Amino acid sequence: MTNTAPQNEDFILVGEIVAAFGIKGQVKVKSYTDNLAHLQRKIKTLYVGAKRKPYVIKELFEHKPGLLVLQLEGVATRTAAEDLRGSELTILESQAAPLGEGEYFIHQLYRLNVLLESGEQLGKVREVLQTGANDVLVVAREGKPDALIPMINDVIVNLDLPHNQVVIRPLDGLFDE
């Protein structure tokens, strides 16, 4: 295995190392994936940190809901595990589980142009909040406070990822300032 990540690939964030676990180099991971089974069965390599250093997965299991325990090849001590704290874990987008109809990866929503049904530009998505019930787009608006747009059928008219835009029908009072 090389010590570098593939150059012309997109990556998907699947978790963040939050702490060392035990004394044998395991780490606790805050999970950002809703498909742990795919991660356990299909993914052999995780890319760690800003430099996306590749590590082979030796062991991966759920410790508590939303919290995983991970053993990476080459990380054998608590000190080595602690050195990874705060590192993001990514996989190659090409290795992600296939999406179903109407599904999307969170990173695909960032920087989308947000338009009203009238065609008026509202702003750009700068953040996505995952609330549990539904995702919420945080839309940066020029000269105005950010708008919070719930990703629900009553509001989203058309999510057009190939054209980098989402058309919305705001609920009454959504933009009251």
N, C-alpha and C. Protein backbone atom coordinates (compact mmCIF):
# COMPACT_ATOMS: atom_id res chain seq x y z
N MET A 1 0.84 -1.18 0.00
CA MET A 1 0.00 0.00 0.00
C MET A 1 0.88 1.24 0.00
N THR A 2 0.46 2.23 -0.80
CA THR A 2 1.21 3.49 -0.81
C THR A 2 0.85 4.31 0.42
N ASN A 3 1.67 5.31 0.69
CA ASN A 3 1.44 6.17 1.85
C ASN A 3 0.67 7.43 1.49
N THR A 4 0.10 7.47 0.29
CA THR A 4 -0.65 8.65 -0.12
C THR A 4 -2.02 8.26 -0.65
N ALA A 5 -2.93 9.20 -0.59
CA ALA A 5 -4.29 8.99 -1.09
C ALA A 5 -4.31 9.18 -2.60
N PRO A 6 -5.26 8.53 -3.29
CA PRO A 6 -5.41 8.76 -4.73
C PRO A 6 -5.66 10.25 -5.00
N GLN A 7 -5.09 10.75 -6.08
CA GLN A 7 -5.15 12.19 -6.36
C GLN A 7 -6.47 12.65 -6.98
N ASN A 8 -6.99 11.94 -7.93
CA ASN A 8 -8.16 12.41 -8.67
C ASN A 8 -9.44 11.74 -8.19
N GLU A 9 -9.59 11.64 -6.91
CA GLU A 9 -10.77 11.00 -6.32
C GLU A 9 -11.44 11.97 -5.37
N ASP A 10 -12.75 11.84 -5.24
CA ASP A 10 -13.48 12.58 -4.22
C ASP A 10 -13.58 11.70 -2.99
N PHE A 11 -13.64 12.32 -1.83
CA PHE A 11 -13.69 11.60 -0.57
C PHE A 11 -14.98 11.93 0.17
N ILE A 12 -15.41 11.00 0.99
CA ILE A 12 -16.60 11.19 1.82
C ILE A 12 -16.19 11.04 3.27
N LEU A 13 -16.60 12.00 4.08
CA LEU A 13 -16.34 11.96 5.51
C LEU A 13 -17.24 10.92 6.16
N VAL A 14 -16.64 9.96 6.88
CA VAL A 14 -17.44 8.92 7.55
C VAL A 14 -17.32 8.97 9.06
N GLY A 15 -16.37 9.75 9.59
CA GLY A 15 -16.24 9.82 11.04
C GLY A 15 -15.10 10.71 11.46
N GLU A 16 -14.99 10.86 12.79
CA GLU A 16 -13.91 11.65 13.38
C GLU A 16 -13.41 10.93 14.62
N ILE A 17 -12.09 10.83 14.73
CA ILE A 17 -11.48 10.19 15.90
C ILE A 17 -11.61 11.16 17.07
N VAL A 18 -12.27 10.68 18.15
CA VAL A 18 -12.52 11.56 19.30
C VAL A 18 -11.67 11.23 20.51
N ALA A 19 -11.12 10.00 20.57
CA ALA A 19 -10.32 9.62 21.74
C ALA A 19 -9.61 8.30 21.48
N ALA A 20 -8.59 8.04 22.29
CA ALA A 20 -7.98 6.72 22.32
C ALA A 20 -8.91 5.79 23.10
N PHE A 21 -8.80 4.49 22.84
CA PHE A 21 -9.64 3.50 23.53
C PHE A 21 -8.74 2.34 23.93
N GLY A 22 -8.53 2.17 25.21
CA GLY A 22 -7.67 1.08 25.67
C GLY A 22 -6.20 1.41 25.48
N ILE A 23 -5.37 0.35 25.55
CA ILE A 23 -3.91 0.55 25.49
C ILE A 23 -3.26 -0.04 24.25
N LYS A 24 -4.06 -0.63 23.35
CA LYS A 24 -3.48 -1.31 22.19
C LYS A 24 -3.65 -0.55 20.88
N GLY A 25 -3.87 0.76 20.97
CA GLY A 25 -3.93 1.57 19.75
C GLY A 25 -5.31 1.75 19.16
N GLN A 26 -6.33 1.26 19.82
CA GLN A 26 -7.68 1.47 19.30
C GLN A 26 -8.11 2.92 19.53
N VAL A 27 -9.04 3.38 18.70
CA VAL A 27 -9.57 4.73 18.82
C VAL A 27 -11.09 4.69 18.85
N LYS A 28 -11.68 5.69 19.53
CA LYS A 28 -13.13 5.90 19.48
C LYS A 28 -13.41 6.84 18.32
N VAL A 29 -14.45 6.53 17.58
CA VAL A 29 -14.80 7.31 16.40
C VAL A 29 -16.25 7.77 16.50
N LYS A 30 -16.46 9.08 16.34
CA LYS A 30 -17.81 9.60 16.19
C LYS A 30 -18.21 9.32 14.75
N SER A 31 -19.26 8.50 14.57
CA SER A 31 -19.65 8.05 13.24
C SER A 31 -20.53 9.07 12.54
N TYR A 32 -20.23 9.32 11.26
CA TYR A 32 -21.06 10.18 10.43
C TYR A 32 -21.75 9.37 9.33
N THR A 33 -21.71 8.06 9.42
CA THR A 33 -22.33 7.22 8.40
C THR A 33 -23.58 6.56 8.96
N ASP A 34 -24.54 6.35 8.10
CA ASP A 34 -25.73 5.62 8.51
C ASP A 34 -25.71 4.20 7.95
N ASN A 35 -24.55 3.78 7.44
CA ASN A 35 -24.43 2.44 6.87
C ASN A 35 -23.17 1.76 7.40
N LEU A 36 -23.18 1.44 8.68
CA LEU A 36 -22.03 0.81 9.32
C LEU A 36 -21.72 -0.54 8.68
N ALA A 37 -22.75 -1.29 8.31
CA ALA A 37 -22.53 -2.62 7.72
C ALA A 37 -21.68 -2.52 6.45
N HIS A 38 -21.95 -1.53 5.62
CA HIS A 38 -21.15 -1.35 4.40
C HIS A 38 -19.71 -1.03 4.76
N LEU A 39 -19.53 -0.17 5.74
CA LEU A 39 -18.18 0.20 6.18
C LEU A 39 -17.43 -1.03 6.68
N GLN A 40 -18.11 -1.87 7.45
CA GLN A 40 -17.46 -3.06 8.02
C GLN A 40 -17.15 -4.12 6.96
N ARG A 41 -18.03 -4.29 5.99
CA ARG A 41 -17.87 -5.38 5.02
C ARG A 41 -17.09 -5.01 3.77
N LYS A 42 -17.24 -3.77 3.32
CA LYS A 42 -16.72 -3.41 2.00
C LYS A 42 -15.49 -2.51 2.02
N ILE A 43 -15.27 -1.78 3.11
CA ILE A 43 -14.18 -0.80 3.14
C ILE A 43 -12.98 -1.40 3.85
N LYS A 44 -11.86 -1.43 3.19
CA LYS A 44 -10.62 -1.98 3.76
C LYS A 44 -9.66 -0.89 4.21
N THR A 45 -9.77 0.30 3.59
CA THR A 45 -8.84 1.39 3.85
C THR A 45 -9.60 2.66 4.22
N LEU A 46 -9.15 3.31 5.28
CA LEU A 46 -9.65 4.63 5.66
C LEU A 46 -8.52 5.64 5.44
N TYR A 47 -8.89 6.85 5.09
CA TYR A 47 -7.92 7.92 4.88
C TYR A 47 -8.05 8.88 6.06
N VAL A 48 -6.93 9.11 6.76
CA VAL A 48 -6.95 9.78 8.05
C VAL A 48 -6.32 11.17 7.96
N GLY A 49 -7.04 12.15 8.53
CA GLY A 49 -6.51 13.50 8.66
C GLY A 49 -6.54 14.30 7.38
N ALA A 50 -6.04 15.53 7.48
CA ALA A 50 -6.04 16.46 6.36
C ALA A 50 -5.20 15.96 5.19
N LYS A 51 -4.14 15.21 5.49
CA LYS A 51 -3.28 14.67 4.43
C LYS A 51 -3.81 13.37 3.86
N ARG A 52 -4.89 12.86 4.46
CA ARG A 52 -5.55 11.63 4.01
C ARG A 52 -4.58 10.46 3.91
N LYS A 53 -3.86 10.24 4.99
CA LYS A 53 -2.93 9.11 5.04
C LYS A 53 -3.75 7.82 5.09
N PRO A 54 -3.45 6.86 4.19
CA PRO A 54 -4.23 5.62 4.17
C PRO A 54 -3.82 4.66 5.29
N TYR A 55 -4.82 4.08 5.92
CA TYR A 55 -4.63 3.05 6.95
C TYR A 55 -5.56 1.89 6.64
N VAL A 56 -5.06 0.68 6.81
CA VAL A 56 -5.88 -0.52 6.66
C VAL A 56 -6.66 -0.74 7.95
N ILE A 57 -7.93 -1.07 7.82
CA ILE A 57 -8.78 -1.35 8.98
C ILE A 57 -8.50 -2.77 9.46
N LYS A 58 -8.13 -2.91 10.73
CA LYS A 58 -7.95 -4.23 11.33
C LYS A 58 -9.23 -4.69 12.02
N GLU A 59 -9.91 -3.75 12.68
CA GLU A 59 -11.12 -4.08 13.43
C GLU A 59 -12.00 -2.84 13.51
N LEU A 60 -13.31 -3.04 13.41
CA LEU A 60 -14.25 -1.94 13.50
C LEU A 60 -15.57 -2.47 14.05
N PHE A 61 -16.04 -1.88 15.14
CA PHE A 61 -17.33 -2.30 15.69
C PHE A 61 -18.00 -1.13 16.40
N GLU A 62 -19.32 -1.27 16.57
CA GLU A 62 -20.08 -0.23 17.26
C GLU A 62 -19.93 -0.40 18.76
N HIS A 63 -19.51 0.65 19.43
CA HIS A 63 -19.35 0.66 20.89
C HIS A 63 -20.67 1.08 21.55
N LYS A 64 -21.25 2.16 21.04
CA LYS A 64 -22.54 2.71 21.46
C LYS A 64 -23.15 3.31 20.20
N PRO A 65 -24.45 3.59 20.20
CA PRO A 65 -25.02 4.24 19.02
C PRO A 65 -24.25 5.52 18.66
N GLY A 66 -23.79 5.58 17.42
CA GLY A 66 -23.05 6.74 16.94
C GLY A 66 -21.58 6.78 17.33
N LEU A 67 -21.12 5.78 18.09
CA LEU A 67 -19.73 5.75 18.54
C LEU A 67 -19.13 4.38 18.21
N LEU A 68 -18.05 4.40 17.43
CA LEU A 68 -17.40 3.18 16.98
C LEU A 68 -16.06 3.01 17.67
N VAL A 69 -15.56 1.78 17.66
CA VAL A 69 -14.18 1.50 18.08
C VAL A 69 -13.47 0.96 16.84
N LEU A 70 -12.29 1.51 16.58
CA LEU A 70 -11.54 1.21 15.37
C LEU A 70 -10.10 0.88 15.71
N GLN A 71 -9.60 -0.19 15.08
CA GLN A 71 -8.17 -0.53 15.17
C GLN A 71 -7.60 -0.41 13.76
N LEU A 72 -6.59 0.43 13.62
CA LEU A 72 -5.93 0.64 12.33
C LEU A 72 -4.58 -0.07 12.33
N GLU A 73 -4.24 -0.65 11.20
CA GLU A 73 -2.93 -1.28 11.05
C GLU A 73 -1.85 -0.21 11.23
N GLY A 74 -0.85 -0.53 12.05
CA GLY A 74 0.25 0.40 12.28
C GLY A 74 0.05 1.32 13.46
N VAL A 75 -1.12 1.25 14.10
CA VAL A 75 -1.39 2.04 15.30
C VAL A 75 -1.54 1.04 16.44
N ALA A 76 -0.46 0.86 17.22
CA ALA A 76 -0.42 -0.24 18.19
C ALA A 76 -0.32 0.20 19.65
N THR A 77 -0.24 1.50 19.89
CA THR A 77 -0.11 1.97 21.27
C THR A 77 -1.13 3.07 21.55
N ARG A 78 -1.41 3.28 22.81
CA ARG A 78 -2.33 4.35 23.20
C ARG A 78 -1.78 5.71 22.75
N THR A 79 -0.48 5.90 22.87
CA THR A 79 0.13 7.17 22.45
C THR A 79 -0.09 7.41 20.96
N ALA A 80 0.11 6.39 20.16
CA ALA A 80 -0.12 6.52 18.71
C ALA A 80 -1.59 6.83 18.43
N ALA A 81 -2.48 6.20 19.18
CA ALA A 81 -3.91 6.47 19.01
C ALA A 81 -4.25 7.90 19.41
N GLU A 82 -3.69 8.36 20.51
CA GLU A 82 -3.95 9.73 20.97
C GLU A 82 -3.45 10.77 19.96
N ASP A 83 -2.39 10.45 19.24
CA ASP A 83 -1.87 11.36 18.21
C ASP A 83 -2.87 11.58 17.08
N LEU A 84 -3.81 10.66 16.92
CA LEU A 84 -4.80 10.76 15.84
C LEU A 84 -6.08 11.48 16.27
N ARG A 85 -6.19 11.82 17.54
CA ARG A 85 -7.40 12.48 18.05
C ARG A 85 -7.69 13.73 17.24
N GLY A 86 -8.96 13.90 16.89
CA GLY A 86 -9.38 15.06 16.11
C GLY A 86 -9.28 14.86 14.61
N SER A 87 -8.70 13.75 14.17
CA SER A 87 -8.55 13.48 12.74
C SER A 87 -9.86 13.03 12.12
N GLU A 88 -10.13 13.53 10.93
CA GLU A 88 -11.29 13.07 10.18
C GLU A 88 -10.95 11.78 9.46
N LEU A 89 -11.95 10.92 9.31
CA LEU A 89 -11.81 9.66 8.58
C LEU A 89 -12.65 9.76 7.32
N THR A 90 -12.02 9.48 6.19
CA THR A 90 -12.73 9.54 4.92
C THR A 90 -12.54 8.23 4.15
N ILE A 91 -13.45 8.02 3.20
CA ILE A 91 -13.33 6.91 2.26
C ILE A 91 -13.41 7.50 0.85
N LEU A 92 -13.04 6.71 -0.12
CA LEU A 92 -13.19 7.14 -1.51
C LEU A 92 -14.68 7.15 -1.85
N GLU A 93 -15.14 8.20 -2.51
CA GLU A 93 -16.55 8.26 -2.89
C GLU A 93 -16.93 7.07 -3.76
N SER A 94 -16.01 6.60 -4.58
CA SER A 94 -16.29 5.46 -5.45
C SER A 94 -16.55 4.17 -4.66
N GLN A 95 -16.17 4.14 -3.39
CA GLN A 95 -16.38 2.96 -2.55
C GLN A 95 -17.62 3.07 -1.67
N ALA A 96 -18.30 4.19 -1.73
CA ALA A 96 -19.48 4.40 -0.89
C ALA A 96 -20.61 3.48 -1.34
N ALA A 97 -21.50 3.18 -0.40
CA ALA A 97 -22.68 2.39 -0.73
C ALA A 97 -23.50 3.15 -1.77
N PRO A 98 -24.10 2.42 -2.72
CA PRO A 98 -24.90 3.10 -3.74
C PRO A 98 -26.07 3.85 -3.10
N LEU A 99 -26.39 4.99 -3.67
CA LEU A 99 -27.51 5.79 -3.18
C LEU A 99 -28.81 5.32 -3.81
N GLY A 100 -29.88 5.40 -3.03
CA GLY A 100 -31.20 5.11 -3.55
C GLY A 100 -31.82 6.34 -4.19
N GLU A 101 -32.96 6.17 -4.79
CA GLU A 101 -33.69 7.26 -5.42
C GLU A 101 -33.96 8.36 -4.40
N GLY A 102 -33.62 9.59 -4.74
CA GLY A 102 -33.87 10.73 -3.86
C GLY A 102 -32.87 10.88 -2.73
N GLU A 103 -31.84 10.04 -2.69
CA GLU A 103 -30.82 10.15 -1.65
C GLU A 103 -29.63 10.96 -2.17
N TYR A 104 -28.85 11.47 -1.24
CA TYR A 104 -27.70 12.29 -1.59
C TYR A 104 -26.67 12.17 -0.49
N PHE A 105 -25.44 12.52 -0.82
CA PHE A 105 -24.40 12.64 0.19
C PHE A 105 -24.45 14.08 0.70
N ILE A 106 -24.27 14.25 1.99
CA ILE A 106 -24.32 15.59 2.59
C ILE A 106 -23.37 16.55 1.88
N HIS A 107 -22.16 16.09 1.56
CA HIS A 107 -21.19 17.01 0.95
C HIS A 107 -21.66 17.54 -0.40
N GLN A 108 -22.61 16.86 -1.05
CA GLN A 108 -23.11 17.33 -2.34
C GLN A 108 -23.99 18.58 -2.20
N LEU A 109 -24.46 18.85 -1.00
CA LEU A 109 -25.35 19.99 -0.78
C LEU A 109 -24.60 21.30 -0.57
N TYR A 110 -23.34 21.20 -0.14
CA TYR A 110 -22.57 22.41 0.13
C TYR A 110 -22.37 23.22 -1.15
N ARG A 111 -22.52 24.53 -1.02
CA ARG A 111 -22.32 25.49 -2.10
C ARG A 111 -23.39 25.42 -3.20
N LEU A 112 -24.49 24.69 -2.96
CA LEU A 112 -25.59 24.72 -3.93
C LEU A 112 -26.18 26.12 -3.98
N ASN A 113 -26.58 26.55 -5.17
CA ASN A 113 -27.34 27.78 -5.30
C ASN A 113 -28.77 27.48 -4.86
N VAL A 114 -29.32 28.34 -4.02
CA VAL A 114 -30.69 28.16 -3.55
C VAL A 114 -31.57 29.20 -4.22
N LEU A 115 -32.58 28.72 -4.95
CA LEU A 115 -33.47 29.59 -5.69
C LEU A 115 -34.89 29.44 -5.17
N LEU A 116 -35.64 30.54 -5.21
CA LEU A 116 -37.07 30.48 -4.94
C LEU A 116 -37.76 29.99 -6.21
N GLU A 117 -39.00 29.53 -6.09
CA GLU A 117 -39.74 29.07 -7.28
C GLU A 117 -39.82 30.14 -8.36
N SER A 118 -39.81 31.39 -7.96
CA SER A 118 -39.89 32.51 -8.91
C SER A 118 -38.60 32.65 -9.73
N GLY A 119 -37.54 31.95 -9.32
CA GLY A 119 -36.26 32.07 -9.98
C GLY A 119 -35.30 33.00 -9.26
N GLU A 120 -35.81 33.71 -8.25
CA GLU A 120 -34.97 34.63 -7.48
C GLU A 120 -33.92 33.86 -6.69
N GLN A 121 -32.68 34.36 -6.77
CA GLN A 121 -31.56 33.75 -6.03
C GLN A 121 -31.69 34.10 -4.56
N LEU A 122 -31.72 33.09 -3.68
CA LEU A 122 -31.79 33.32 -2.24
C LEU A 122 -30.39 33.39 -1.64
N GLY A 123 -29.50 32.48 -2.07
CA GLY A 123 -28.14 32.43 -1.53
C GLY A 123 -27.49 31.11 -1.85
N LYS A 124 -26.46 30.77 -1.06
CA LYS A 124 -25.73 29.51 -1.26
C LYS A 124 -25.71 28.73 0.04
N VAL A 125 -25.78 27.41 -0.08
CA VAL A 125 -25.70 26.55 1.10
C VAL A 125 -24.28 26.62 1.64
N ARG A 126 -24.14 26.98 2.92
CA ARG A 126 -22.81 27.05 3.53
C ARG A 126 -22.62 25.97 4.59
N GLU A 127 -23.73 25.35 5.03
CA GLU A 127 -23.64 24.31 6.05
C GLU A 127 -24.90 23.45 5.96
N VAL A 128 -24.79 22.21 6.42
CA VAL A 128 -25.93 21.31 6.50
C VAL A 128 -26.01 20.80 7.93
N LEU A 129 -27.16 21.04 8.57
CA LEU A 129 -27.38 20.56 9.93
C LEU A 129 -28.15 19.25 9.85
N GLN A 130 -27.67 18.24 10.55
CA GLN A 130 -28.36 16.96 10.60
C GLN A 130 -29.08 16.89 11.94
N THR A 131 -30.39 17.10 11.90
CA THR A 131 -31.17 17.22 13.12
C THR A 131 -31.77 15.91 13.59
N GLY A 132 -31.73 14.90 12.77
CA GLY A 132 -32.35 13.62 13.11
C GLY A 132 -33.65 13.46 12.35
N ALA A 133 -34.55 14.43 12.46
CA ALA A 133 -35.82 14.35 11.75
C ALA A 133 -35.61 14.61 10.26
N ASN A 134 -34.86 15.64 9.93
CA ASN A 134 -34.55 15.98 8.54
C ASN A 134 -33.31 16.87 8.53
N ASP A 135 -32.65 16.91 7.40
CA ASP A 135 -31.51 17.81 7.26
C ASP A 135 -32.03 19.24 7.12
N VAL A 136 -31.20 20.20 7.51
CA VAL A 136 -31.54 21.62 7.40
C VAL A 136 -30.39 22.32 6.69
N LEU A 137 -30.72 23.02 5.61
CA LEU A 137 -29.72 23.79 4.88
C LEU A 137 -29.53 25.15 5.55
N VAL A 138 -28.29 25.53 5.80
CA VAL A 138 -27.98 26.87 6.27
C VAL A 138 -27.54 27.65 5.04
N VAL A 139 -28.35 28.64 4.67
CA VAL A 139 -28.13 29.37 3.43
C VAL A 139 -27.59 30.76 3.74
N ALA A 140 -26.40 31.05 3.22
CA ALA A 140 -25.80 32.38 3.36
C ALA A 140 -26.48 33.32 2.38
N ARG A 141 -27.03 34.43 2.92
CA ARG A 141 -27.72 35.42 2.09
C ARG A 141 -26.96 36.74 2.16
N GLU A 142 -26.82 37.38 1.04
CA GLU A 142 -26.06 38.63 0.98
C GLU A 142 -26.78 39.73 1.74
N GLY A 143 -26.10 40.29 2.74
CA GLY A 143 -26.64 41.41 3.50
C GLY A 143 -27.75 41.06 4.46
N LYS A 144 -28.03 39.78 4.66
CA LYS A 144 -29.11 39.35 5.55
C LYS A 144 -28.61 38.19 6.40
N PRO A 145 -29.33 37.90 7.49
CA PRO A 145 -28.95 36.73 8.29
C PRO A 145 -29.12 35.44 7.48
N ASP A 146 -28.38 34.42 7.88
CA ASP A 146 -28.53 33.11 7.24
C ASP A 146 -29.98 32.64 7.35
N ALA A 147 -30.41 31.90 6.34
CA ALA A 147 -31.74 31.29 6.35
C ALA A 147 -31.59 29.80 6.63
N LEU A 148 -32.50 29.27 7.42
CA LEU A 148 -32.53 27.83 7.71
C LEU A 148 -33.65 27.21 6.90
N ILE A 149 -33.29 26.29 6.00
CA ILE A 149 -34.25 25.69 5.09
C ILE A 149 -34.36 24.20 5.40
N PRO A 150 -35.53 23.75 5.88
CA PRO A 150 -35.68 22.31 6.16
C PRO A 150 -35.77 21.51 4.86
N MET A 151 -35.09 20.38 4.83
CA MET A 151 -35.12 19.50 3.65
C MET A 151 -36.34 18.58 3.77
N ILE A 152 -37.52 19.18 3.55
CA ILE A 152 -38.77 18.43 3.60
C ILE A 152 -39.52 18.65 2.29
N ASN A 153 -40.40 17.71 1.96
CA ASN A 153 -41.11 17.77 0.68
C ASN A 153 -41.93 19.04 0.50
N ASP A 154 -42.48 19.59 1.58
CA ASP A 154 -43.27 20.81 1.47
C ASP A 154 -42.43 22.03 1.08
N VAL A 155 -41.13 21.96 1.25
CA VAL A 155 -40.25 23.10 0.98
C VAL A 155 -39.39 22.88 -0.27
N ILE A 156 -38.84 21.70 -0.42
CA ILE A 156 -37.93 21.43 -1.55
C ILE A 156 -38.76 21.10 -2.79
N VAL A 157 -38.69 21.97 -3.78
CA VAL A 157 -39.41 21.75 -5.04
C VAL A 157 -38.58 20.87 -5.97
N ASN A 158 -37.27 21.17 -6.05
CA ASN A 158 -36.40 20.42 -6.96
C ASN A 158 -34.95 20.49 -6.46
N LEU A 159 -34.38 19.34 -6.22
CA LEU A 159 -32.96 19.24 -5.87
C LEU A 159 -32.25 18.78 -7.14
N ASP A 160 -31.49 19.67 -7.74
CA ASP A 160 -30.85 19.42 -9.03
C ASP A 160 -29.34 19.45 -8.85
N LEU A 161 -28.78 18.33 -8.42
CA LEU A 161 -27.34 18.26 -8.15
C LEU A 161 -26.50 18.48 -9.40
N PRO A 162 -26.87 17.91 -10.56
CA PRO A 162 -26.03 18.14 -11.75
C PRO A 162 -25.91 19.63 -12.13
N HIS A 163 -26.94 20.42 -11.81
CA HIS A 163 -26.91 21.86 -12.12
C HIS A 163 -26.60 22.71 -10.89
N ASN A 164 -26.19 22.05 -9.82
CA ASN A 164 -25.72 22.74 -8.61
C ASN A 164 -26.76 23.71 -8.04
N GLN A 165 -28.02 23.26 -7.98
CA GLN A 165 -29.04 24.15 -7.43
C GLN A 165 -30.16 23.38 -6.75
N VAL A 166 -30.84 24.09 -5.85
CA VAL A 166 -32.03 23.57 -5.20
C VAL A 166 -33.08 24.68 -5.27
N VAL A 167 -34.28 24.31 -5.70
CA VAL A 167 -35.39 25.25 -5.79
C VAL A 167 -36.31 24.98 -4.61
N ILE A 168 -36.69 26.08 -3.92
CA ILE A 168 -37.51 25.92 -2.72
C ILE A 168 -38.81 26.71 -2.81
N ARG A 169 -39.78 26.26 -2.02
CA ARG A 169 -41.04 26.96 -1.79
C ARG A 169 -41.10 27.21 -0.29
N PRO A 170 -40.72 28.42 0.16
CA PRO A 170 -40.64 28.66 1.61
C PRO A 170 -42.00 28.57 2.29
N LEU A 171 -42.02 28.02 3.48
CA LEU A 171 -43.22 28.01 4.30
C LEU A 171 -43.49 29.42 4.78
N ASP A 172 -44.75 29.73 5.06
CA ASP A 172 -45.09 31.06 5.59
C ASP A 172 -44.28 31.34 6.84
N GLY A 173 -43.70 32.53 6.90
CA GLY A 173 -42.94 32.94 8.07
C GLY A 173 -41.50 32.46 8.11
N LEU A 174 -41.07 31.70 7.11
CA LEU A 174 -39.72 31.14 7.12
C LEU A 174 -38.65 32.23 7.13
N PHE A 175 -38.92 33.34 6.45
CA PHE A 175 -37.91 34.40 6.36
C PHE A 175 -38.27 35.64 7.16
N ASP A 176 -39.20 35.54 8.09
CA ASP A 176 -39.52 36.70 8.93
C ASP A 176 -38.27 37.12 9.68
N GLU A 177 -37.97 38.39 9.63
CA GLU A 177 -36.74 38.87 10.27
C GLU A 177 -37.03 39.91 11.31
